[in-house]
Amino acid sequence: MRNSDVGFRILAVSYVGQIRNPESAFPNAMRLDLFLKISRLLPRRSVAQDFCDSGLISVNGSVAKSAKEVKSGDEIEIRRRSRVIFIKVVSVPEKKQIAKADAPSLYEILNEIVIEEEF
């Protein structure tokens, strides 16, 4: 074995050791699409991802992707065909499943605007 091979192996091992856990960066945070599903604001995670990809979801005033981390205190805007809902995240669950009765306690509705369709 050559000296250059040993250096490569040490470098590779030290690089692997630096991979961070994304959940450790924000211990009390959750992906936006997962939060929307768990809080039952949207029926499925795939629907939440589609809303994000279409630019219909904003977090703290800026359009958000589905992988955006949300935490307590964030304000989310959800635009639908006939209404716009503004909510504030009250708490982020630690589990990926919660009871249906507990889902509304995760957020507070700040405002809801109904848009009348004109033909």
PDB file of N, CA and C in Angstrom:
ATOM      1  N   MET A   1       0.845  -1.165   0.000  1.00  0.00           N
ATOM      2  CA  MET A   1       0.000   0.000   0.000  1.00  0.00           C
ATOM      3  C   MET A   1       0.898   1.237   0.000  1.00  0.00           C
ATOM      4  N   ARG A   2       0.533   2.184  -0.845  1.00  0.00           N
ATOM      5  CA  ARG A   2       1.316   3.410  -0.941  1.00  0.00           C
ATOM      6  C   ARG A   2       0.839   4.435   0.083  1.00  0.00           C
ATOM      7  N   ASN A   3       1.676   5.405   0.352  1.00  0.00           N
ATOM      8  CA  ASN A   3       1.312   6.468   1.291  1.00  0.00           C
ATOM      9  C   ASN A   3       0.120   7.275   0.799  1.00  0.00           C
ATOM     10  N   SER A   4       0.025   7.464  -0.498  1.00  0.00           N
ATOM     11  CA  SER A   4      -1.082   8.264  -1.033  1.00  0.00           C
ATOM     12  C   SER A   4      -2.418   7.542  -0.822  1.00  0.00           C
ATOM     13  N   ASP A   5      -2.421   6.193  -0.843  1.00  0.00           N
ATOM     14  CA  ASP A   5      -3.646   5.440  -0.595  1.00  0.00           C
ATOM     15  C   ASP A   5      -4.115   5.617   0.853  1.00  0.00           C
ATOM     16  N   VAL A   6      -3.182   5.635   1.778  1.00  0.00           N
ATOM     17  CA  VAL A   6      -3.528   5.802   3.188  1.00  0.00           C
ATOM     18  C   VAL A   6      -4.157   7.177   3.405  1.00  0.00           C
ATOM     19  N   GLY A   7      -3.592   8.204   2.801  1.00  0.00           N
ATOM     20  CA  GLY A   7      -4.137   9.556   2.938  1.00  0.00           C
ATOM     21  C   GLY A   7      -5.555   9.646   2.391  1.00  0.00           C
ATOM     22  N   PHE A   8      -5.825   8.959   1.302  1.00  0.00           N
ATOM     23  CA  PHE A   8      -7.163   8.979   0.713  1.00  0.00           C
ATOM     24  C   PHE A   8      -8.178   8.331   1.650  1.00  0.00           C
ATOM     25  N   ARG A   9      -7.798   7.232   2.250  1.00  0.00           N
ATOM     26  CA  ARG A   9      -8.710   6.538   3.161  1.00  0.00           C
ATOM     27  C   ARG A   9      -9.009   7.387   4.392  1.00  0.00           C
ATOM     28  N   ILE A  10      -8.027   8.029   4.943  1.00  0.00           N
ATOM     29  CA  ILE A  10      -8.245   8.868   6.115  1.00  0.00           C
ATOM     30  C   ILE A  10      -9.159  10.036   5.759  1.00  0.00           C
ATOM     31  N   LEU A  11      -8.953  10.627   4.604  1.00  0.00           N
ATOM     32  CA  LEU A  11      -9.781  11.742   4.163  1.00  0.00           C
ATOM     33  C   LEU A  11     -11.226  11.289   3.981  1.00  0.00           C
ATOM     34  N   ALA A  12     -11.420  10.127   3.389  1.00  0.00           N
ATOM     35  CA  ALA A  12     -12.775   9.623   3.157  1.00  0.00           C
ATOM     36  C   ALA A  12     -13.487   9.348   4.476  1.00  0.00           C
ATOM     37  N   VAL A  13     -12.803   8.791   5.439  1.00  0.00           N
ATOM     38  CA  VAL A  13     -13.412   8.499   6.732  1.00  0.00           C
ATOM     39  C   VAL A  13     -13.772   9.794   7.449  1.00  0.00           C
ATOM     40  N   SER A  14     -12.888  10.783   7.412  1.00  0.00           N
ATOM     41  CA  SER A  14     -13.190  12.031   8.105  1.00  0.00           C
ATOM     42  C   SER A  14     -14.337  12.760   7.410  1.00  0.00           C
ATOM     43  N   TYR A  15     -14.478  12.652   6.105  1.00  0.00           N
ATOM     44  CA  TYR A  15     -15.578  13.296   5.400  1.00  0.00           C
ATOM     45  C   TYR A  15     -16.910  12.650   5.772  1.00  0.00           C
ATOM     46  N   VAL A  16     -16.932  11.335   5.845  1.00  0.00           N
ATOM     47  CA  VAL A  16     -18.158  10.633   6.218  1.00  0.00           C
ATOM     48  C   VAL A  16     -18.570  11.011   7.631  1.00  0.00           C
ATOM     49  N   GLY A  17     -17.640  11.223   8.508  1.00  0.00           N
ATOM     50  CA  GLY A  17     -17.951  11.591   9.875  1.00  0.00           C
ATOM     51  C   GLY A  17     -18.591  12.963   9.999  1.00  0.00           C
ATOM     52  N   GLN A  18     -18.466  13.816   8.981  1.00  0.00           N
ATOM     53  CA  GLN A  18     -19.007  15.166   9.029  1.00  0.00           C
ATOM     54  C   GLN A  18     -20.430  15.265   8.510  1.00  0.00           C
ATOM     55  N   ILE A  19     -21.005  14.193   8.034  1.00  0.00           N
ATOM     56  CA  ILE A  19     -22.376  14.254   7.543  1.00  0.00           C
ATOM     57  C   ILE A  19     -23.289  14.547   8.723  1.00  0.00           C
ATOM     58  N   ARG A  20     -24.063  15.625   8.578  1.00  0.00           N
ATOM     59  CA  ARG A  20     -24.910  16.037   9.690  1.00  0.00           C
ATOM     60  C   ARG A  20     -26.309  15.468   9.530  1.00  0.00           C
ATOM     61  N   ASN A  21     -26.957  15.324  10.634  1.00  0.00           N
ATOM     62  CA  ASN A  21     -28.349  14.883  10.655  1.00  0.00           C
ATOM     63  C   ASN A  21     -29.226  16.114  10.448  1.00  0.00           C
ATOM     64  N   PRO A  22     -30.065  16.165   9.397  1.00  0.00           N
ATOM     65  CA  PRO A  22     -30.868  17.356   9.153  1.00  0.00           C
ATOM     66  C   PRO A  22     -31.819  17.685  10.296  1.00  0.00           C
ATOM     67  N   GLU A  23     -32.245  16.708  11.058  1.00  0.00           N
ATOM     68  CA  GLU A  23     -33.160  16.960  12.162  1.00  0.00           C
ATOM     69  C   GLU A  23     -32.457  17.634  13.339  1.00  0.00           C
ATOM     70  N   SER A  24     -31.127  17.514  13.409  1.00  0.00           N
ATOM     71  CA  SER A  24     -30.417  18.106  14.530  1.00  0.00           C
ATOM     72  C   SER A  24     -30.231  19.608  14.368  1.00  0.00           C
ATOM     73  N   ALA A  25     -30.333  20.135  13.157  1.00  0.00           N
ATOM     74  CA  ALA A  25     -30.157  21.561  12.945  1.00  0.00           C
ATOM     75  C   ALA A  25     -31.288  22.349  13.608  1.00  0.00           C
ATOM     76  N   PHE A  26     -32.513  21.859  13.494  1.00  0.00           N
ATOM     77  CA  PHE A  26     -33.672  22.474  14.117  1.00  0.00           C
ATOM     78  C   PHE A  26     -34.384  21.396  14.916  1.00  0.00           C
ATOM     79  N   PRO A  27     -34.073  21.265  16.202  1.00  0.00           N
ATOM     80  CA  PRO A  27     -34.641  20.153  16.961  1.00  0.00           C
ATOM     81  C   PRO A  27     -36.161  20.200  17.068  1.00  0.00           C
ATOM     82  N   ASN A  28     -36.756  21.382  17.045  1.00  0.00           N
ATOM     83  CA  ASN A  28     -38.209  21.475  17.153  1.00  0.00           C
ATOM     84  C   ASN A  28     -38.779  21.998  15.837  1.00  0.00           C
ATOM     85  N   ALA A  29     -38.421  21.366  14.729  1.00  0.00           N
ATOM     86  CA  ALA A  29     -38.883  21.779  13.403  1.00  0.00           C
ATOM     87  C   ALA A  29     -39.326  20.550  12.619  1.00  0.00           C
ATOM     88  N   MET A  30     -40.079  20.801  11.558  1.00  0.00           N
ATOM     89  CA  MET A  30     -40.607  19.720  10.737  1.00  0.00           C
ATOM     90  C   MET A  30     -40.731  20.229   9.306  1.00  0.00           C
ATOM     91  N   ARG A  31     -40.625  19.324   8.351  1.00  0.00           N
ATOM     92  CA  ARG A  31     -40.822  19.690   6.948  1.00  0.00           C
ATOM     93  C   ARG A  31     -42.218  20.268   6.751  1.00  0.00           C
ATOM     94  N   LEU A  32     -42.323  21.241   5.883  1.00  0.00           N
ATOM     95  CA  LEU A  32     -43.587  21.918   5.626  1.00  0.00           C
ATOM     96  C   LEU A  32     -44.652  20.953   5.125  1.00  0.00           C
ATOM     97  N   ASP A  33     -44.315  20.111   4.151  1.00  0.00           N
ATOM     98  CA  ASP A  33     -45.319  19.187   3.604  1.00  0.00           C
ATOM     99  C   ASP A  33     -45.816  18.201   4.654  1.00  0.00           C
ATOM    100  N   LEU A  34     -44.939  17.765   5.517  1.00  0.00           N
ATOM    101  CA  LEU A  34     -45.330  16.841   6.581  1.00  0.00           C
ATOM    102  C   LEU A  34     -46.208  17.547   7.623  1.00  0.00           C
ATOM    103  N   PHE A  35     -45.871  18.790   7.954  1.00  0.00           N
ATOM    104  CA  PHE A  35     -46.691  19.544   8.903  1.00  0.00           C
ATOM    105  C   PHE A  35     -48.098  19.765   8.349  1.00  0.00           C
ATOM    106  N   LEU A  36     -48.206  20.111   7.076  1.00  0.00           N
ATOM    107  CA  LEU A  36     -49.525  20.339   6.473  1.00  0.00           C
ATOM    108  C   LEU A  36     -50.369  19.073   6.485  1.00  0.00           C
ATOM    109  N   LYS A  37     -49.742  17.924   6.311  1.00  0.00           N
ATOM    110  CA  LYS A  37     -50.469  16.649   6.341  1.00  0.00           C
ATOM    111  C   LYS A  37     -50.882  16.293   7.770  1.00  0.00           C
ATOM    112  N   ILE A  38     -49.952  16.396   8.714  1.00  0.00           N
ATOM    113  CA  ILE A  38     -50.234  16.015  10.097  1.00  0.00           C
ATOM    114  C   ILE A  38     -51.294  16.925  10.715  1.00  0.00           C
ATOM    115  N   SER A  39     -51.239  18.215  10.378  1.00  0.00           N
ATOM    116  CA  SER A  39     -52.210  19.158  10.932  1.00  0.00           C
ATOM    117  C   SER A  39     -53.554  19.076  10.217  1.00  0.00           C
ATOM    118  N   ARG A  40     -53.610  18.264   9.184  1.00  0.00           N
ATOM    119  CA  ARG A  40     -54.823  18.043   8.398  1.00  0.00           C
ATOM    120  C   ARG A  40     -55.320  19.307   7.698  1.00  0.00           C
ATOM    121  N   LEU A  41     -54.396  20.202   7.380  1.00  0.00           N
ATOM    122  CA  LEU A  41     -54.730  21.353   6.554  1.00  0.00           C
ATOM    123  C   LEU A  41     -54.836  20.925   5.096  1.00  0.00           C
ATOM    124  N   LEU A  42     -54.083  19.905   4.729  1.00  0.00           N
ATOM    125  CA  LEU A  42     -54.172  19.283   3.405  1.00  0.00           C
ATOM    126  C   LEU A  42     -54.272  17.773   3.617  1.00  0.00           C
ATOM    127  N   PRO A  43     -54.989  17.068   2.724  1.00  0.00           N
ATOM    128  CA  PRO A  43     -55.296  15.656   2.992  1.00  0.00           C
ATOM    129  C   PRO A  43     -54.127  14.677   2.902  1.00  0.00           C
ATOM    130  N   ARG A  44     -53.167  14.952   2.020  1.00  0.00           N
ATOM    131  CA  ARG A  44     -52.049  14.024   1.830  1.00  0.00           C
ATOM    132  C   ARG A  44     -50.752  14.801   1.648  1.00  0.00           C
ATOM    133  N   ARG A  45     -49.658  14.150   1.943  1.00  0.00           N
ATOM    134  CA  ARG A  45     -48.353  14.789   1.786  1.00  0.00           C
ATOM    135  C   ARG A  45     -48.065  15.107   0.326  1.00  0.00           C
ATOM    136  N   SER A  46     -48.491  14.250  -0.571  1.00  0.00           N
ATOM    137  CA  SER A  46     -48.270  14.507  -2.002  1.00  0.00           C
ATOM    138  C   SER A  46     -49.043  15.739  -2.464  1.00  0.00           C
ATOM    139  N   VAL A  47     -50.229  15.960  -1.918  1.00  0.00           N
ATOM    140  CA  VAL A  47     -50.996  17.160  -2.244  1.00  0.00           C
ATOM    141  C   VAL A  47     -50.271  18.393  -1.713  1.00  0.00           C
ATOM    142  N   ALA A  48     -49.724  18.301  -0.513  1.00  0.00           N
ATOM    143  CA  ALA A  48     -48.959  19.408   0.059  1.00  0.00           C
ATOM    144  C   ALA A  48     -47.735  19.718  -0.804  1.00  0.00           C
ATOM    145  N   GLN A  49     -47.061  18.688  -1.302  1.00  0.00           N
ATOM    146  CA  GLN A  49     -45.912  18.898  -2.177  1.00  0.00           C
ATOM    147  C   GLN A  49     -46.332  19.566  -3.476  1.00  0.00           C
ATOM    148  N   ASP A  50     -47.477  19.165  -4.040  1.00  0.00           N
ATOM    149  CA  ASP A  50     -47.979  19.784  -5.261  1.00  0.00           C
ATOM    150  C   ASP A  50     -48.314  21.258  -5.031  1.00  0.00           C
ATOM    151  N   PHE A  51     -48.934  21.578  -3.902  1.00  0.00           N
ATOM    152  CA  PHE A  51     -49.241  22.969  -3.567  1.00  0.00           C
ATOM    153  C   PHE A  51     -47.952  23.787  -3.479  1.00  0.00           C
ATOM    154  N   CYS A  52     -46.933  23.233  -2.837  1.00  0.00           N
ATOM    155  CA  CYS A  52     -45.652  23.936  -2.711  1.00  0.00           C
ATOM    156  C   CYS A  52     -44.995  24.127  -4.075  1.00  0.00           C
ATOM    157  N   ASP A  53     -44.999  23.097  -4.888  1.00  0.00           N
ATOM    158  CA  ASP A  53     -44.393  23.185  -6.219  1.00  0.00           C
ATOM    159  C   ASP A  53     -45.108  24.205  -7.099  1.00  0.00           C
ATOM    160  N   SER A  54     -46.404  24.400  -6.870  1.00  0.00           N
ATOM    161  CA  SER A  54     -47.193  25.355  -7.648  1.00  0.00           C
ATOM    162  C   SER A  54     -47.083  26.778  -7.103  1.00  0.00           C
ATOM    163  N   GLY A  55     -46.411  26.964  -5.986  1.00  0.00           N
ATOM    164  CA  GLY A  55     -46.247  28.288  -5.408  1.00  0.00           C
ATOM    165  C   GLY A  55     -47.461  28.763  -4.629  1.00  0.00           C
ATOM    166  N   LEU A  56     -48.291  27.842  -4.161  1.00  0.00           N
ATOM    167  CA  LEU A  56     -49.512  28.197  -3.448  1.00  0.00           C
ATOM    168  C   LEU A  56     -49.324  28.279  -1.929  1.00  0.00           C
ATOM    169  N   ILE A  57     -48.139  27.932  -1.442  1.00  0.00           N
ATOM    170  CA  ILE A  57     -47.853  27.959  -0.015  1.00  0.00           C
ATOM    171  C   ILE A  57     -46.712  28.946   0.239  1.00  0.00           C
ATOM    172  N   SER A  58     -46.919  29.840   1.196  1.00  0.00           N
ATOM    173  CA  SER A  58     -45.872  30.777   1.608  1.00  0.00           C
ATOM    174  C   SER A  58     -45.630  30.615   3.102  1.00  0.00           C
ATOM    175  N   VAL A  59     -44.378  30.754   3.492  1.00  0.00           N
ATOM    176  CA  VAL A  59     -44.016  30.720   4.912  1.00  0.00           C
ATOM    177  C   VAL A  59     -43.308  32.035   5.230  1.00  0.00           C
ATOM    178  N   ASN A  60     -43.848  32.744   6.197  1.00  0.00           N
ATOM    179  CA  ASN A  60     -43.304  34.041   6.611  1.00  0.00           C
ATOM    180  C   ASN A  60     -43.151  35.004   5.436  1.00  0.00           C
ATOM    181  N   GLY A  61     -44.114  34.985   4.523  1.00  0.00           N
ATOM    182  CA  GLY A  61     -44.148  35.949   3.429  1.00  0.00           C
ATOM    183  C   GLY A  61     -43.404  35.567   2.168  1.00  0.00           C
ATOM    184  N   SER A  62     -42.718  34.430   2.145  1.00  0.00           N
ATOM    185  CA  SER A  62     -42.011  34.023   0.934  1.00  0.00           C
ATOM    186  C   SER A  62     -42.466  32.632   0.504  1.00  0.00           C
ATOM    187  N   VAL A  63     -42.535  32.430  -0.807  1.00  0.00           N
ATOM    188  CA  VAL A  63     -42.962  31.143  -1.351  1.00  0.00           C
ATOM    189  C   VAL A  63     -42.017  30.057  -0.859  1.00  0.00           C
ATOM    190  N   ALA A  64     -42.590  28.940  -0.412  1.00  0.00           N
ATOM    191  CA  ALA A  64     -41.782  27.897   0.222  1.00  0.00           C
ATOM    192  C   ALA A  64     -41.844  26.591  -0.551  1.00  0.00           C
ATOM    193  N   LYS A  65     -40.742  25.873  -0.531  1.00  0.00           N
ATOM    194  CA  LYS A  65     -40.701  24.524  -1.089  1.00  0.00           C
ATOM    195  C   LYS A  65     -41.152  23.545  -0.017  1.00  0.00           C
ATOM    196  N   SER A  66     -41.447  22.328  -0.427  1.00  0.00           N
ATOM    197  CA  SER A  66     -41.991  21.337   0.504  1.00  0.00           C
ATOM    198  C   SER A  66     -40.995  20.927   1.588  1.00  0.00           C
ATOM    199  N   ALA A  67     -39.712  21.083   1.342  1.00  0.00           N
ATOM    200  CA  ALA A  67     -38.693  20.691   2.317  1.00  0.00           C
ATOM    201  C   ALA A  67     -38.381  21.795   3.323  1.00  0.00           C
ATOM    202  N   LYS A  68     -39.031  22.927   3.220  1.00  0.00           N
ATOM    203  CA  LYS A  68     -38.809  24.044   4.148  1.00  0.00           C
ATOM    204  C   LYS A  68     -39.122  23.595   5.566  1.00  0.00           C
ATOM    205  N   GLU A  69     -38.237  23.930   6.492  1.00  0.00           N
ATOM    206  CA  GLU A  69     -38.449  23.587   7.898  1.00  0.00           C
ATOM    207  C   GLU A  69     -39.359  24.629   8.538  1.00  0.00           C
ATOM    208  N   VAL A  70     -40.440  24.187   9.150  1.00  0.00           N
ATOM    209  CA  VAL A  70     -41.318  25.096   9.885  1.00  0.00           C
ATOM    210  C   VAL A  70     -41.155  24.838  11.371  1.00  0.00           C
ATOM    211  N   LYS A  71     -41.308  25.902  12.150  1.00  0.00           N
ATOM    212  CA  LYS A  71     -41.174  25.800  13.596  1.00  0.00           C
ATOM    213  C   LYS A  71     -42.247  26.666  14.242  1.00  0.00           C
ATOM    214  N   SER A  72     -42.394  26.584  15.528  1.00  0.00           N
ATOM    215  CA  SER A  72     -43.396  27.362  16.244  1.00  0.00           C
ATOM    216  C   SER A  72     -43.198  28.846  15.977  1.00  0.00           C
ATOM    217  N   GLY A  73     -44.306  29.539  15.720  1.00  0.00           N
ATOM    218  CA  GLY A  73     -44.252  30.971  15.460  1.00  0.00           C
ATOM    219  C   GLY A  73     -44.259  31.330  13.984  1.00  0.00           C
ATOM    220  N   ASP A  74     -43.991  30.373  13.105  1.00  0.00           N
ATOM    221  CA  ASP A  74     -44.016  30.652  11.665  1.00  0.00           C
ATOM    222  C   ASP A  74     -45.441  30.910  11.201  1.00  0.00           C
ATOM    223  N   GLU A  75     -45.581  31.784  10.198  1.00  0.00           N
ATOM    224  CA  GLU A  75     -46.884  32.064   9.615  1.00  0.00           C
ATOM    225  C   GLU A  75     -46.933  31.457   8.215  1.00  0.00           C
ATOM    226  N   ILE A  76     -47.973  30.696   7.962  1.00  0.00           N
ATOM    227  CA  ILE A  76     -48.137  29.991   6.689  1.00  0.00           C
ATOM    228  C   ILE A  76     -49.365  30.533   5.983  1.00  0.00           C
ATOM    229  N   GLU A  77     -49.224  30.775   4.687  1.00  0.00           N
ATOM    230  CA  GLU A  77     -50.340  31.212   3.850  1.00  0.00           C
ATOM    231  C   GLU A  77     -50.643  30.101   2.848  1.00  0.00           C
ATOM    232  N   ILE A  78     -51.887  29.653   2.823  1.00  0.00           N
ATOM    233  CA  ILE A  78     -52.305  28.586   1.910  1.00  0.00           C
ATOM    234  C   ILE A  78     -53.333  29.169   0.953  1.00  0.00           C
ATOM    235  N   ARG A  79     -53.002  29.191  -0.339  1.00  0.00           N
ATOM    236  CA  ARG A  79     -53.925  29.711  -1.352  1.00  0.00           C
ATOM    237  C   ARG A  79     -54.628  28.560  -2.043  1.00  0.00           C
ATOM    238  N   ARG A  80     -55.935  28.620  -2.038  1.00  0.00           N
ATOM    239  CA  ARG A  80     -56.746  27.631  -2.740  1.00  0.00           C
ATOM    240  C   ARG A  80     -57.559  28.342  -3.795  1.00  0.00           C
ATOM    241  N   ARG A  81     -58.382  27.599  -4.501  1.00  0.00           N
ATOM    242  CA  ARG A  81     -59.158  28.174  -5.591  1.00  0.00           C
ATOM    243  C   ARG A  81     -60.068  29.300  -5.121  1.00  0.00           C
ATOM    244  N   SER A  82     -60.780  29.110  -4.035  1.00  0.00           N
ATOM    245  CA  SER A  82     -61.778  30.087  -3.616  1.00  0.00           C
ATOM    246  C   SER A  82     -61.477  30.768  -2.283  1.00  0.00           C
ATOM    247  N   ARG A  83     -60.306  30.519  -1.701  1.00  0.00           N
ATOM    248  CA  ARG A  83     -59.992  31.155  -0.429  1.00  0.00           C
ATOM    249  C   ARG A  83     -58.497  31.141  -0.146  1.00  0.00           C
ATOM    250  N   VAL A  84     -58.123  32.036   0.754  1.00  0.00           N
ATOM    251  CA  VAL A  84     -56.742  32.114   1.217  1.00  0.00           C
ATOM    252  C   VAL A  84     -56.795  32.033   2.741  1.00  0.00           C
ATOM    253  N   ILE A  85     -55.996  31.138   3.312  1.00  0.00           N
ATOM    254  CA  ILE A  85     -55.982  30.934   4.763  1.00  0.00           C
ATOM    255  C   ILE A  85     -54.603  31.328   5.293  1.00  0.00           C
ATOM    256  N   PHE A  86     -54.600  32.141   6.332  1.00  0.00           N
ATOM    257  CA  PHE A  86     -53.373  32.527   7.017  1.00  0.00           C
ATOM    258  C   PHE A  86     -53.384  31.855   8.383  1.00  0.00           C
ATOM    259  N   ILE A  87     -52.352  31.066   8.649  1.00  0.00           N
ATOM    260  CA  ILE A  87     -52.275  30.371   9.938  1.00  0.00           C
ATOM    261  C   ILE A  87     -50.938  30.659  10.606  1.00  0.00           C
ATOM    262  N   LYS A  88     -50.913  30.470  11.910  1.00  0.00           N
ATOM    263  CA  LYS A  88     -49.681  30.579  12.686  1.00  0.00           C
ATOM    264  C   LYS A  88     -49.424  29.233  13.336  1.00  0.00           C
ATOM    265  N   VAL A  89     -48.213  28.744  13.217  1.00  0.00           N
ATOM    266  CA  VAL A  89     -47.842  27.457  13.810  1.00  0.00           C
ATOM    267  C   VAL A  89     -47.704  27.659  15.315  1.00  0.00           C
ATOM    268  N   VAL A  90     -48.529  26.953  16.075  1.00  0.00           N
ATOM    269  CA  VAL A  90     -48.489  27.045  17.532  1.00  0.00           C
ATOM    270  C   VAL A  90     -47.467  26.063  18.093  1.00  0.00           C
ATOM    271  N   SER A  91     -47.495  24.836  17.592  1.00  0.00           N
ATOM    272  CA  SER A  91     -46.529  23.836  18.043  1.00  0.00           C
ATOM    273  C   SER A  91     -46.262  22.846  16.921  1.00  0.00           C
ATOM    274  N   VAL A  92     -45.105  22.257  16.991  1.00  0.00           N
ATOM    275  CA  VAL A  92     -44.699  21.236  16.018  1.00  0.00           C
ATOM    276  C   VAL A  92     -44.673  19.906  16.749  1.00  0.00           C
ATOM    277  N   PRO A  93     -45.412  18.906  16.239  1.00  0.00           N
ATOM    278  CA  PRO A  93     -45.440  17.618  16.944  1.00  0.00           C
ATOM    279  C   PRO A  93     -44.101  16.897  16.849  1.00  0.00           C
ATOM    280  N   GLU A  94     -43.824  16.108  17.845  1.00  0.00           N
ATOM    281  CA  GLU A  94     -42.589  15.327  17.843  1.00  0.00           C
ATOM    282  C   GLU A  94     -42.754  14.031  17.070  1.00  0.00           C
ATOM    283  N   LYS A  95     -43.997  13.570  16.926  1.00  0.00           N
ATOM    284  CA  LYS A  95     -44.272  12.335  16.194  1.00  0.00           C
ATOM    285  C   LYS A  95     -44.846  12.670  14.821  1.00  0.00           C
ATOM    286  N   LYS A  96     -44.822  11.681  13.938  1.00  0.00           N
ATOM    287  CA  LYS A  96     -45.383  11.872  12.611  1.00  0.00           C
ATOM    288  C   LYS A  96     -46.867  11.544  12.551  1.00  0.00           C
ATOM    289  N   GLN A  97     -47.413  11.027  13.605  1.00  0.00           N
ATOM    290  CA  GLN A  97     -48.837  10.713  13.674  1.00  0.00           C
ATOM    291  C   GLN A  97     -49.404  11.288  14.961  1.00  0.00           C
ATOM    292  N   ILE A  98     -50.526  11.998  14.834  1.00  0.00           N
ATOM    293  CA  ILE A  98     -51.224  12.482  16.022  1.00  0.00           C
ATOM    294  C   ILE A  98     -52.712  12.234  15.831  1.00  0.00           C
ATOM    295  N   ALA A  99     -53.459  12.301  16.899  1.00  0.00           N
ATOM    296  CA  ALA A  99     -54.894  12.061  16.832  1.00  0.00           C
ATOM    297  C   ALA A  99     -55.580  13.175  16.046  1.00  0.00           C
ATOM    298  N   LYS A 100     -56.648  12.825  15.366  1.00  0.00           N
ATOM    299  CA  LYS A 100     -57.390  13.786  14.562  1.00  0.00           C
ATOM    300  C   LYS A 100     -57.914  14.937  15.423  1.00  0.00           C
ATOM    301  N   ALA A 101     -58.322  14.642  16.637  1.00  0.00           N
ATOM    302  CA  ALA A 101     -58.842  15.670  17.538  1.00  0.00           C
ATOM    303  C   ALA A 101     -57.749  16.644  17.986  1.00  0.00           C
ATOM    304  N   ASP A 102     -56.494  16.214  17.989  1.00  0.00           N
ATOM    305  CA  ASP A 102     -55.387  17.063  18.417  1.00  0.00           C
ATOM    306  C   ASP A 102     -54.812  17.918  17.286  1.00  0.00           C
ATOM    307  N   ALA A 103     -55.149  17.623  16.053  1.00  0.00           N
ATOM    308  CA  ALA A 103     -54.577  18.326  14.907  1.00  0.00           C
ATOM    309  C   ALA A 103     -54.826  19.835  14.930  1.00  0.00           C
ATOM    310  N   PRO A 104     -56.047  20.312  15.235  1.00  0.00           N
ATOM    311  CA  PRO A 104     -56.260  21.771  15.243  1.00  0.00           C
ATOM    312  C   PRO A 104     -55.453  22.522  16.307  1.00  0.00           C
ATOM    313  N   SER A 105     -54.941  21.834  17.302  1.00  0.00           N
ATOM    314  CA  SER A 105     -54.150  22.504  18.332  1.00  0.00           C
ATOM    315  C   SER A 105     -52.740  22.850  17.846  1.00  0.00           C
ATOM    316  N   LEU A 106     -52.351  22.365  16.678  1.00  0.00           N
ATOM    317  CA  LEU A 106     -51.024  22.641  16.141  1.00  0.00           C
ATOM    318  C   LEU A 106     -50.930  24.022  15.503  1.00  0.00           C
ATOM    319  N   TYR A 107     -52.076  24.623  15.167  1.00  0.00           N
ATOM    320  CA  TYR A 107     -52.056  25.906  14.472  1.00  0.00           C
ATOM    321  C   TYR A 107     -53.206  26.788  14.952  1.00  0.00           C
ATOM    322  N   GLU A 108     -53.086  28.070  14.612  1.00  0.00           N
ATOM    323  CA  GLU A 108     -54.119  29.051  14.927  1.00  0.00           C
ATOM    324  C   GLU A 108     -54.455  29.773  13.626  1.00  0.00           C
ATOM    325  N   ILE A 109     -55.724  29.842  13.283  1.00  0.00           N
ATOM    326  CA  ILE A 109     -56.133  30.543  12.065  1.00  0.00           C
ATOM    327  C   ILE A 109     -56.123  32.035  12.356  1.00  0.00           C
ATOM    328  N   LEU A 110     -55.292  32.772  11.613  1.00  0.00           N
ATOM    329  CA  LEU A 110     -55.188  34.212  11.787  1.00  0.00           C
ATOM    330  C   LEU A 110     -56.235  34.950  10.959  1.00  0.00           C
ATOM    331  N   ASN A 111     -56.435  34.495   9.732  1.00  0.00           N
ATOM    332  CA  ASN A 111     -57.353  35.159   8.824  1.00  0.00           C
ATOM    333  C   ASN A 111     -57.739  34.186   7.709  1.00  0.00           C
ATOM    334  N   GLU A 112     -58.939  34.357   7.206  1.00  0.00           N
ATOM    335  CA  GLU A 112     -59.391  33.550   6.072  1.00  0.00           C
ATOM    336  C   GLU A 112     -60.133  34.469   5.121  1.00  0.00           C
ATOM    337  N   ILE A 113     -59.684  34.523   3.884  1.00  0.00           N
ATOM    338  CA  ILE A 113     -60.278  35.387   2.872  1.00  0.00           C
ATOM    339  C   ILE A 113     -60.987  34.506   1.855  1.00  0.00           C
ATOM    340  N   VAL A 114     -62.278  34.742   1.656  1.00  0.00           N
ATOM    341  CA  VAL A 114     -63.041  34.020   0.648  1.00  0.00           C
ATOM    342  C   VAL A 114     -63.035  34.828  -0.626  1.00  0.00           C
ATOM    343  N   ILE A 115     -62.656  34.204  -1.722  1.00  0.00           N
ATOM    344  CA  ILE A 115     -62.583  34.873  -3.019  1.00  0.00           C
ATOM    345  C   ILE A 115     -63.796  34.460  -3.839  1.00  0.00           C
ATOM    346  N   GLU A 116     -64.577  35.451  -4.231  1.00  0.00           N
ATOM    347  CA  GLU A 116     -65.754  35.156  -5.053  1.00  0.00           C
ATOM    348  C   GLU A 116     -65.316  35.046  -6.513  1.00  0.00           C
ATOM    349  N   GLU A 117     -65.771  33.995  -7.145  1.00  0.00           N
ATOM    350  CA  GLU A 117     -65.429  33.780  -8.545  1.00  0.00           C
ATOM    351  C   GLU A 117     -66.380  34.548  -9.435  1.00  0.00           C
ATOM    352  N   GLU A 118     -65.834  35.217 -10.439  1.00  0.00           N
ATOM    353  CA  GLU A 118     -66.637  35.948 -11.407  1.00  0.00           C
ATOM    354  C   GLU A 118     -66.641  35.185 -12.712  1.00  0.00           C
ATOM    355  N   PHE A 119     -67.796  35.152 -13.341  1.00  0.00           N
ATOM    356  CA  PHE A 119     -67.895  34.435 -14.621  1.00  0.00           C
ATOM    357  C   PHE A 119     -68.048  35.397 -15.756  1.00  0.00           C
TER     358      PHE A 119
END
